[in-house]
Amino acid sequence: LQPFLRAGGRYLGIEGMQILPMVQTGTERVFPIDDPVMHPHEVRIAFGEPFAAADFPGRHGALAEAARRMALLLPDEYQPPAGQPAFG
């Protein structure tokens, strides 16, 4: 769960904006950063329940909620370290 792009916050002010939490795992084993070759490996995608950005107001409210919901979708080995900020 890397920091969210700050630009994502621009979209949260759009009236009626819905956020769909989604996580993708396994791609780092398909194409490792330090390897010029792709490898076969299972990749998974999980989707959470959508929610209204307006239900979590404030500068970072909806982004923090999206990060929280995304973490719930992750398997244990992908959970962010305790205390890691949800977004930058």
PDB file of N, CA and C in Angstrom:
ATOM      1  N   LEU A   1       0.861  -1.164   0.000  1.00  0.00           N
ATOM      2  CA  LEU A   1       0.000   0.000   0.000  1.00  0.00           C
ATOM      3  C   LEU A   1       0.906   1.225   0.000  1.00  0.00           C
ATOM      4  N   GLN A   2       1.239   1.707  -1.157  1.00  0.00           N
ATOM      5  CA  GLN A   2       2.102   2.867  -1.267  1.00  0.00           C
ATOM      6  C   GLN A   2       1.268   4.139  -1.120  1.00  0.00           C
ATOM      7  N   PRO A   3       1.933   5.263  -0.850  1.00  0.00           N
ATOM      8  CA  PRO A   3       1.191   6.513  -0.686  1.00  0.00           C
ATOM      9  C   PRO A   3       0.341   6.842  -1.914  1.00  0.00           C
ATOM     10  N   PHE A   4      -0.849   7.331  -1.641  1.00  0.00           N
ATOM     11  CA  PHE A   4      -1.722   7.749  -2.730  1.00  0.00           C
ATOM     12  C   PHE A   4      -1.147   8.986  -3.405  1.00  0.00           C
ATOM     13  N   LEU A   5      -1.423   9.125  -4.674  1.00  0.00           N
ATOM     14  CA  LEU A   5      -1.029  10.342  -5.376  1.00  0.00           C
ATOM     15  C   LEU A   5      -1.846  11.506  -4.846  1.00  0.00           C
ATOM     16  N   ARG A   6      -1.188  12.610  -4.610  1.00  0.00           N
ATOM     17  CA  ARG A   6      -1.901  13.788  -4.110  1.00  0.00           C
ATOM     18  C   ARG A   6      -2.950  14.270  -5.100  1.00  0.00           C
ATOM     19  N   ALA A   7      -2.717  14.017  -6.364  1.00  0.00           N
ATOM     20  CA  ALA A   7      -3.678  14.445  -7.384  1.00  0.00           C
ATOM     21  C   ALA A   7      -5.027  13.767  -7.197  1.00  0.00           C
ATOM     22  N   GLY A   8      -5.043  12.602  -6.568  1.00  0.00           N
ATOM     23  CA  GLY A   8      -6.302  11.903  -6.334  1.00  0.00           C
ATOM     24  C   GLY A   8      -7.280  12.747  -5.539  1.00  0.00           C
ATOM     25  N   GLY A   9      -6.765  13.594  -4.674  1.00  0.00           N
ATOM     26  CA  GLY A   9      -7.625  14.451  -3.872  1.00  0.00           C
ATOM     27  C   GLY A   9      -8.444  15.430  -4.685  1.00  0.00           C
ATOM     28  N   ARG A  10      -7.979  15.769  -5.867  1.00  0.00           N
ATOM     29  CA  ARG A  10      -8.716  16.711  -6.724  1.00  0.00           C
ATOM     30  C   ARG A  10     -10.074  16.163  -7.137  1.00  0.00           C
ATOM     31  N   TYR A  11     -10.159  14.870  -7.296  1.00  0.00           N
ATOM     32  CA  TYR A  11     -11.399  14.255  -7.769  1.00  0.00           C
ATOM     33  C   TYR A  11     -12.437  14.103  -6.664  1.00  0.00           C
ATOM     34  N   LEU A  12     -12.009  14.173  -5.422  1.00  0.00           N
ATOM     35  CA  LEU A  12     -12.928  13.927  -4.315  1.00  0.00           C
ATOM     36  C   LEU A  12     -13.987  15.003  -4.165  1.00  0.00           C
ATOM     37  N   GLY A  13     -13.741  16.183  -4.700  1.00  0.00           N
ATOM     38  CA  GLY A  13     -14.713  17.262  -4.598  1.00  0.00           C
ATOM     39  C   GLY A  13     -15.808  17.213  -5.647  1.00  0.00           C
ATOM     40  N   ILE A  14     -15.723  16.278  -6.570  1.00  0.00           N
ATOM     41  CA  ILE A  14     -16.750  16.162  -7.612  1.00  0.00           C
ATOM     42  C   ILE A  14     -18.027  15.633  -6.982  1.00  0.00           C
ATOM     43  N   GLU A  15     -19.110  16.337  -7.190  1.00  0.00           N
ATOM     44  CA  GLU A  15     -20.383  15.954  -6.602  1.00  0.00           C
ATOM     45  C   GLU A  15     -20.766  14.531  -7.009  1.00  0.00           C
ATOM     46  N   GLY A  16     -21.150  13.738  -6.021  1.00  0.00           N
ATOM     47  CA  GLY A  16     -21.585  12.365  -6.274  1.00  0.00           C
ATOM     48  C   GLY A  16     -20.452  11.368  -6.470  1.00  0.00           C
ATOM     49  N   MET A  17     -19.199  11.787  -6.234  1.00  0.00           N
ATOM     50  CA  MET A  17     -18.052  10.910  -6.463  1.00  0.00           C
ATOM     51  C   MET A  17     -18.137   9.663  -5.589  1.00  0.00           C
ATOM     52  N   GLN A  18     -18.010   8.513  -6.222  1.00  0.00           N
ATOM     53  CA  GLN A  18     -17.967   7.218  -5.535  1.00  0.00           C
ATOM     54  C   GLN A  18     -16.548   6.678  -5.634  1.00  0.00           C
ATOM     55  N   ILE A  19     -16.103   6.012  -4.589  1.00  0.00           N
ATOM     56  CA  ILE A  19     -14.767   5.408  -4.566  1.00  0.00           C
ATOM     57  C   ILE A  19     -14.933   3.902  -4.449  1.00  0.00           C
ATOM     58  N   LEU A  20     -14.228   3.181  -5.304  1.00  0.00           N
ATOM     59  CA  LEU A  20     -14.261   1.719  -5.291  1.00  0.00           C
ATOM     60  C   LEU A  20     -12.880   1.219  -4.850  1.00  0.00           C
ATOM     61  N   PRO A  21     -12.745   0.763  -3.599  1.00  0.00           N
ATOM     62  CA  PRO A  21     -11.451   0.247  -3.151  1.00  0.00           C
ATOM     63  C   PRO A  21     -11.073  -1.016  -3.935  1.00  0.00           C
ATOM     64  N   MET A  22      -9.811  -1.085  -4.378  1.00  0.00           N
ATOM     65  CA  MET A  22      -9.321  -2.225  -5.145  1.00  0.00           C
ATOM     66  C   MET A  22      -7.856  -2.449  -4.806  1.00  0.00           C
ATOM     67  N   VAL A  23      -7.476  -3.716  -4.685  1.00  0.00           N
ATOM     68  CA  VAL A  23      -6.062  -4.049  -4.486  1.00  0.00           C
ATOM     69  C   VAL A  23      -5.664  -5.122  -5.488  1.00  0.00           C
ATOM     70  N   GLN A  24      -4.408  -5.077  -5.860  1.00  0.00           N
ATOM     71  CA  GLN A  24      -3.827  -6.050  -6.788  1.00  0.00           C
ATOM     72  C   GLN A  24      -2.571  -6.593  -6.125  1.00  0.00           C
ATOM     73  N   THR A  25      -2.437  -7.900  -6.043  1.00  0.00           N
ATOM     74  CA  THR A  25      -1.268  -8.511  -5.406  1.00  0.00           C
ATOM     75  C   THR A  25      -0.653  -9.558  -6.325  1.00  0.00           C
ATOM     76  N   GLY A  26       0.657  -9.728  -6.189  1.00  0.00           N
ATOM     77  CA  GLY A  26       1.377 -10.748  -6.942  1.00  0.00           C
ATOM     78  C   GLY A  26       2.158 -10.239  -8.127  1.00  0.00           C
ATOM     79  N   THR A  27       1.898  -9.030  -8.568  1.00  0.00           N
ATOM     80  CA  THR A  27       2.584  -8.532  -9.763  1.00  0.00           C
ATOM     81  C   THR A  27       4.081  -8.356  -9.540  1.00  0.00           C
ATOM     82  N   GLU A  28       4.488  -8.125  -8.290  1.00  0.00           N
ATOM     83  CA  GLU A  28       5.914  -7.959  -8.019  1.00  0.00           C
ATOM     84  C   GLU A  28       6.696  -9.255  -8.236  1.00  0.00           C
ATOM     85  N   ARG A  29       5.976 -10.374  -8.267  1.00  0.00           N
ATOM     86  CA  ARG A  29       6.619 -11.665  -8.550  1.00  0.00           C
ATOM     87  C   ARG A  29       6.592 -11.985 -10.040  1.00  0.00           C
ATOM     88  N   VAL A  30       5.684 -11.376 -10.756  1.00  0.00           N
ATOM     89  CA  VAL A  30       5.612 -11.567 -12.210  1.00  0.00           C
ATOM     90  C   VAL A  30       6.760 -10.833 -12.892  1.00  0.00           C
ATOM     91  N   PHE A  31       6.973  -9.589 -12.473  1.00  0.00           N
ATOM     92  CA  PHE A  31       8.017  -8.770 -13.106  1.00  0.00           C
ATOM     93  C   PHE A  31       8.784  -8.018 -12.015  1.00  0.00           C
ATOM     94  N   PRO A  32       9.697  -8.711 -11.320  1.00  0.00           N
ATOM     95  CA  PRO A  32      10.457  -8.059 -10.249  1.00  0.00           C
ATOM     96  C   PRO A  32      11.257  -6.862 -10.776  1.00  0.00           C
ATOM     97  N   ILE A  33      11.396  -5.873  -9.949  1.00  0.00           N
ATOM     98  CA  ILE A  33      12.097  -4.640 -10.333  1.00  0.00           C
ATOM     99  C   ILE A  33      13.520  -4.919 -10.796  1.00  0.00           C
ATOM    100  N   ASP A  34      14.212  -5.839 -10.142  1.00  0.00           N
ATOM    101  CA  ASP A  34      15.615  -6.093 -10.460  1.00  0.00           C
ATOM    102  C   ASP A  34      15.827  -7.240 -11.452  1.00  0.00           C
ATOM    103  N   ASP A  35      14.775  -7.624 -12.150  1.00  0.00           N
ATOM    104  CA  ASP A  35      14.869  -8.743 -13.091  1.00  0.00           C
ATOM    105  C   ASP A  35      14.322  -8.307 -14.444  1.00  0.00           C
ATOM    106  N   PRO A  36      15.086  -8.446 -15.525  1.00  0.00           N
ATOM    107  CA  PRO A  36      14.609  -8.018 -16.844  1.00  0.00           C
ATOM    108  C   PRO A  36      13.639  -9.017 -17.487  1.00  0.00           C
ATOM    109  N   VAL A  37      13.345 -10.119 -16.796  1.00  0.00           N
ATOM    110  CA  VAL A  37      12.503 -11.172 -17.354  1.00  0.00           C
ATOM    111  C   VAL A  37      11.207 -11.316 -16.541  1.00  0.00           C
ATOM    112  N   MET A  38      10.107 -11.500 -17.235  1.00  0.00           N
ATOM    113  CA  MET A  38       8.833 -11.764 -16.564  1.00  0.00           C
ATOM    114  C   MET A  38       8.745 -13.252 -16.224  1.00  0.00           C
ATOM    115  N   HIS A  39       8.020 -13.555 -15.134  1.00  0.00           N
ATOM    116  CA  HIS A  39       7.865 -14.924 -14.666  1.00  0.00           C
ATOM    117  C   HIS A  39       6.389 -15.234 -14.464  1.00  0.00           C
ATOM    118  N   PRO A  40       5.982 -16.474 -14.729  1.00  0.00           N
ATOM    119  CA  PRO A  40       4.589 -16.838 -14.449  1.00  0.00           C
ATOM    120  C   PRO A  40       4.339 -16.852 -12.939  1.00  0.00           C
ATOM    121  N   HIS A  41       3.268 -16.259 -12.537  1.00  0.00           N
ATOM    122  CA  HIS A  41       2.885 -16.263 -11.120  1.00  0.00           C
ATOM    123  C   HIS A  41       1.434 -15.838 -11.020  1.00  0.00           C
ATOM    124  N   GLU A  42       0.784 -16.274  -9.974  1.00  0.00           N
ATOM    125  CA  GLU A  42      -0.609 -15.900  -9.738  1.00  0.00           C
ATOM    126  C   GLU A  42      -0.698 -14.425  -9.332  1.00  0.00           C
ATOM    127  N   VAL A  43      -1.641 -13.725  -9.924  1.00  0.00           N
ATOM    128  CA  VAL A  43      -1.938 -12.339  -9.582  1.00  0.00           C
ATOM    129  C   VAL A  43      -3.402 -12.295  -9.168  1.00  0.00           C
ATOM    130  N   ARG A  44      -3.679 -11.577  -8.099  1.00  0.00           N
ATOM    131  CA  ARG A  44      -5.060 -11.474  -7.607  1.00  0.00           C
ATOM    132  C   ARG A  44      -5.500 -10.014  -7.554  1.00  0.00           C
ATOM    133  N   ILE A  45      -6.771  -9.827  -7.813  1.00  0.00           N
ATOM    134  CA  ILE A  45      -7.394  -8.513  -7.705  1.00  0.00           C
ATOM    135  C   ILE A  45      -8.601  -8.679  -6.803  1.00  0.00           C
ATOM    136  N   ALA A  46      -8.745  -7.781  -5.836  1.00  0.00           N
ATOM    137  CA  ALA A  46      -9.892  -7.820  -4.923  1.00  0.00           C
ATOM    138  C   ALA A  46     -10.542  -6.437  -4.901  1.00  0.00           C
ATOM    139  N   PHE A  47     -11.852  -6.428  -4.894  1.00  0.00           N
ATOM    140  CA  PHE A  47     -12.628  -5.190  -4.855  1.00  0.00           C
ATOM    141  C   PHE A  47     -13.424  -5.123  -3.568  1.00  0.00           C
ATOM    142  N   GLY A  48     -13.477  -3.939  -2.975  1.00  0.00           N
ATOM    143  CA  GLY A  48     -14.305  -3.706  -1.805  1.00  0.00           C
ATOM    144  C   GLY A  48     -15.622  -3.070  -2.216  1.00  0.00           C
ATOM    145  N   GLU A  49     -16.386  -2.685  -1.218  1.00  0.00           N
ATOM    146  CA  GLU A  49     -17.665  -2.016  -1.471  1.00  0.00           C
ATOM    147  C   GLU A  49     -17.408  -0.545  -1.794  1.00  0.00           C
ATOM    148  N   PRO A  50     -18.097  -0.007  -2.800  1.00  0.00           N
ATOM    149  CA  PRO A  50     -17.934   1.421  -3.100  1.00  0.00           C
ATOM    150  C   PRO A  50     -18.526   2.274  -1.977  1.00  0.00           C
ATOM    151  N   PHE A  51     -18.010   3.488  -1.857  1.00  0.00           N
ATOM    152  CA  PHE A  51     -18.559   4.413  -0.872  1.00  0.00           C
ATOM    153  C   PHE A  51     -18.493   5.826  -1.429  1.00  0.00           C
ATOM    154  N   ALA A  52     -19.313   6.688  -0.870  1.00  0.00           N
ATOM    155  CA  ALA A  52     -19.381   8.084  -1.316  1.00  0.00           C
ATOM    156  C   ALA A  52     -18.277   8.890  -0.665  1.00  0.00           C
ATOM    157  N   ALA A  53     -17.519   9.610  -1.464  1.00  0.00           N
ATOM    158  CA  ALA A  53     -16.448  10.461  -0.935  1.00  0.00           C
ATOM    159  C   ALA A  53     -17.005  11.484   0.044  1.00  0.00           C
ATOM    160  N   ALA A  54     -18.202  11.978  -0.216  1.00  0.00           N
ATOM    161  CA  ALA A  54     -18.807  13.009   0.633  1.00  0.00           C
ATOM    162  C   ALA A  54     -19.093  12.513   2.046  1.00  0.00           C
ATOM    163  N   ASP A  55     -19.170  11.193   2.241  1.00  0.00           N
ATOM    164  CA  ASP A  55     -19.427  10.641   3.570  1.00  0.00           C
ATOM    165  C   ASP A  55     -18.205  10.735   4.488  1.00  0.00           C
ATOM    166  N   PHE A  56     -17.045  11.074   3.916  1.00  0.00           N
ATOM    167  CA  PHE A  56     -15.805  11.194   4.682  1.00  0.00           C
ATOM    168  C   PHE A  56     -15.143  12.522   4.334  1.00  0.00           C
ATOM    169  N   PRO A  57     -15.702  13.616   4.874  1.00  0.00           N
ATOM    170  CA  PRO A  57     -15.233  14.950   4.504  1.00  0.00           C
ATOM    171  C   PRO A  57     -13.855  15.280   5.070  1.00  0.00           C
ATOM    172  N   GLY A  58     -13.388  16.420   4.672  1.00  0.00           N
ATOM    173  CA  GLY A  58     -12.079  16.888   5.109  1.00  0.00           C
ATOM    174  C   GLY A  58     -11.053  16.649   4.020  1.00  0.00           C
ATOM    175  N   ARG A  59      -9.915  17.246   4.207  1.00  0.00           N
ATOM    176  CA  ARG A  59      -8.872  17.187   3.183  1.00  0.00           C
ATOM    177  C   ARG A  59      -8.467  15.760   2.848  1.00  0.00           C
ATOM    178  N   HIS A  60      -8.379  14.905   3.849  1.00  0.00           N
ATOM    179  CA  HIS A  60      -7.913  13.543   3.612  1.00  0.00           C
ATOM    180  C   HIS A  60      -8.929  12.472   4.029  1.00  0.00           C
ATOM    181  N   GLY A  61     -10.125  12.862   4.380  1.00  0.00           N
ATOM    182  CA  GLY A  61     -11.098  11.907   4.904  1.00  0.00           C
ATOM    183  C   GLY A  61     -11.372  10.725   3.993  1.00  0.00           C
ATOM    184  N   ALA A  62     -11.719  10.985   2.749  1.00  0.00           N
ATOM    185  CA  ALA A  62     -12.053   9.904   1.817  1.00  0.00           C
ATOM    186  C   ALA A  62     -10.822   9.085   1.444  1.00  0.00           C
ATOM    187  N   LEU A  63      -9.654   9.748   1.322  1.00  0.00           N
ATOM    188  CA  LEU A  63      -8.428   9.011   1.005  1.00  0.00           C
ATOM    189  C   LEU A  63      -8.049   8.077   2.149  1.00  0.00           C
ATOM    190  N   ALA A  64      -8.187   8.548   3.382  1.00  0.00           N
ATOM    191  CA  ALA A  64      -7.882   7.706   4.538  1.00  0.00           C
ATOM    192  C   ALA A  64      -8.841   6.522   4.599  1.00  0.00           C
ATOM    193  N   GLU A  65     -10.101   6.763   4.303  1.00  0.00           N
ATOM    194  CA  GLU A  65     -11.079   5.667   4.317  1.00  0.00           C
ATOM    195  C   GLU A  65     -10.786   4.670   3.204  1.00  0.00           C
ATOM    196  N   ALA A  66     -10.405   5.150   2.034  1.00  0.00           N
ATOM    197  CA  ALA A  66     -10.054   4.245   0.936  1.00  0.00           C
ATOM    198  C   ALA A  66      -8.858   3.385   1.321  1.00  0.00           C
ATOM    199  N   ALA A  67      -7.839   3.994   1.925  1.00  0.00           N
ATOM    200  CA  ALA A  67      -6.656   3.236   2.345  1.00  0.00           C
ATOM    201  C   ALA A  67      -7.024   2.195   3.392  1.00  0.00           C
ATOM    202  N   ARG A  68      -7.886   2.559   4.340  1.00  0.00           N
ATOM    203  CA  ARG A  68      -8.325   1.619   5.378  1.00  0.00           C
ATOM    204  C   ARG A  68      -9.045   0.429   4.761  1.00  0.00           C
ATOM    205  N   ARG A  69      -9.950   0.716   3.830  1.00  0.00           N
ATOM    206  CA  ARG A  69     -10.712  -0.359   3.191  1.00  0.00           C
ATOM    207  C   ARG A  69      -9.834  -1.230   2.294  1.00  0.00           C
ATOM    208  N   MET A  70      -8.859  -0.620   1.655  1.00  0.00           N
ATOM    209  CA  MET A  70      -7.946  -1.402   0.818  1.00  0.00           C
ATOM    210  C   MET A  70      -7.110  -2.343   1.682  1.00  0.00           C
ATOM    211  N   ALA A  71      -6.642  -1.863   2.826  1.00  0.00           N
ATOM    212  CA  ALA A  71      -5.844  -2.712   3.716  1.00  0.00           C
ATOM    213  C   ALA A  71      -6.645  -3.931   4.153  1.00  0.00           C
ATOM    214  N   LEU A  72      -7.944  -3.773   4.342  1.00  0.00           N
ATOM    215  CA  LEU A  72      -8.796  -4.904   4.737  1.00  0.00           C
ATOM    216  C   LEU A  72      -8.869  -5.977   3.648  1.00  0.00           C
ATOM    217  N   LEU A  73      -8.630  -5.591   2.407  1.00  0.00           N
ATOM    218  CA  LEU A  73      -8.686  -6.529   1.289  1.00  0.00           C
ATOM    219  C   LEU A  73      -7.383  -7.303   1.096  1.00  0.00           C
ATOM    220  N   LEU A  74      -6.317  -6.837   1.717  1.00  0.00           N
ATOM    221  CA  LEU A  74      -5.004  -7.435   1.502  1.00  0.00           C
ATOM    222  C   LEU A  74      -4.782  -8.689   2.342  1.00  0.00           C
ATOM    223  N   PRO A  75      -4.104  -9.700   1.767  1.00  0.00           N
ATOM    224  CA  PRO A  75      -3.700 -10.850   2.577  1.00  0.00           C
ATOM    225  C   PRO A  75      -2.654 -10.406   3.603  1.00  0.00           C
ATOM    226  N   ASP A  76      -2.450 -11.209   4.645  1.00  0.00           N
ATOM    227  CA  ASP A  76      -1.534 -10.843   5.727  1.00  0.00           C
ATOM    228  C   ASP A  76      -0.151 -10.430   5.239  1.00  0.00           C
ATOM    229  N   GLU A  77       0.397 -11.157   4.262  1.00  0.00           N
ATOM    230  CA  GLU A  77       1.768 -10.861   3.829  1.00  0.00           C
ATOM    231  C   GLU A  77       1.900  -9.515   3.115  1.00  0.00           C
ATOM    232  N   TYR A  78       0.797  -8.889   2.786  1.00  0.00           N
ATOM    233  CA  TYR A  78       0.828  -7.591   2.122  1.00  0.00           C
ATOM    234  C   TYR A  78       0.374  -6.451   3.032  1.00  0.00           C
ATOM    235  N   GLN A  79       0.062  -6.736   4.263  1.00  0.00           N
ATOM    236  CA  GLN A  79      -0.411  -5.689   5.163  1.00  0.00           C
ATOM    237  C   GLN A  79       0.680  -4.639   5.386  1.00  0.00           C
ATOM    238  N   PRO A  80       0.298  -3.358   5.413  1.00  0.00           N
ATOM    239  CA  PRO A  80       1.286  -2.295   5.648  1.00  0.00           C
ATOM    240  C   PRO A  80       1.816  -2.386   7.084  1.00  0.00           C
ATOM    241  N   PRO A  81       3.044  -1.951   7.303  1.00  0.00           N
ATOM    242  CA  PRO A  81       3.596  -1.949   8.660  1.00  0.00           C
ATOM    243  C   PRO A  81       2.758  -1.050   9.581  1.00  0.00           C
ATOM    244  N   ALA A  82       2.684  -1.428  10.842  1.00  0.00           N
ATOM    245  CA  ALA A  82       1.938  -0.624  11.818  1.00  0.00           C
ATOM    246  C   ALA A  82       2.503   0.787  11.854  1.00  0.00           C
ATOM    247  N   GLY A  83       1.620   1.761  11.833  1.00  0.00           N
ATOM    248  CA  GLY A  83       2.031   3.156  11.907  1.00  0.00           C
ATOM    249  C   GLY A  83       2.394   3.785  10.581  1.00  0.00           C
ATOM    250  N   GLN A  84       2.409   3.011   9.507  1.00  0.00           N
ATOM    251  CA  GLN A  84       2.731   3.582   8.195  1.00  0.00           C
ATOM    252  C   GLN A  84       1.595   4.489   7.761  1.00  0.00           C
ATOM    253  N   PRO A  85       1.906   5.700   7.294  1.00  0.00           N
ATOM    254  CA  PRO A  85       0.831   6.580   6.836  1.00  0.00           C
ATOM    255  C   PRO A  85       0.075   5.950   5.661  1.00  0.00           C
ATOM    256  N   ALA A  86      -1.204   6.171   5.629  1.00  0.00           N
ATOM    257  CA  ALA A  86      -2.038   5.611   4.561  1.00  0.00           C
ATOM    258  C   ALA A  86      -1.754   6.264   3.228  1.00  0.00           C
ATOM    259  N   PHE A  87      -1.367   7.505   3.224  1.00  0.00           N
ATOM    260  CA  PHE A  87      -1.103   8.227   1.993  1.00  0.00           C
ATOM    261  C   PHE A  87      -0.169   9.371   2.270  1.00  0.00           C
ATOM    262  N   GLY A  88       0.494   9.856   1.212  1.00  0.00           N
ATOM    263  CA  GLY A  88       1.462  10.940   1.374  1.00  0.00           C
ATOM    264  C   GLY A  88       0.977  12.249   0.873  1.00  0.00           C
TER     265      GLY A  88
END
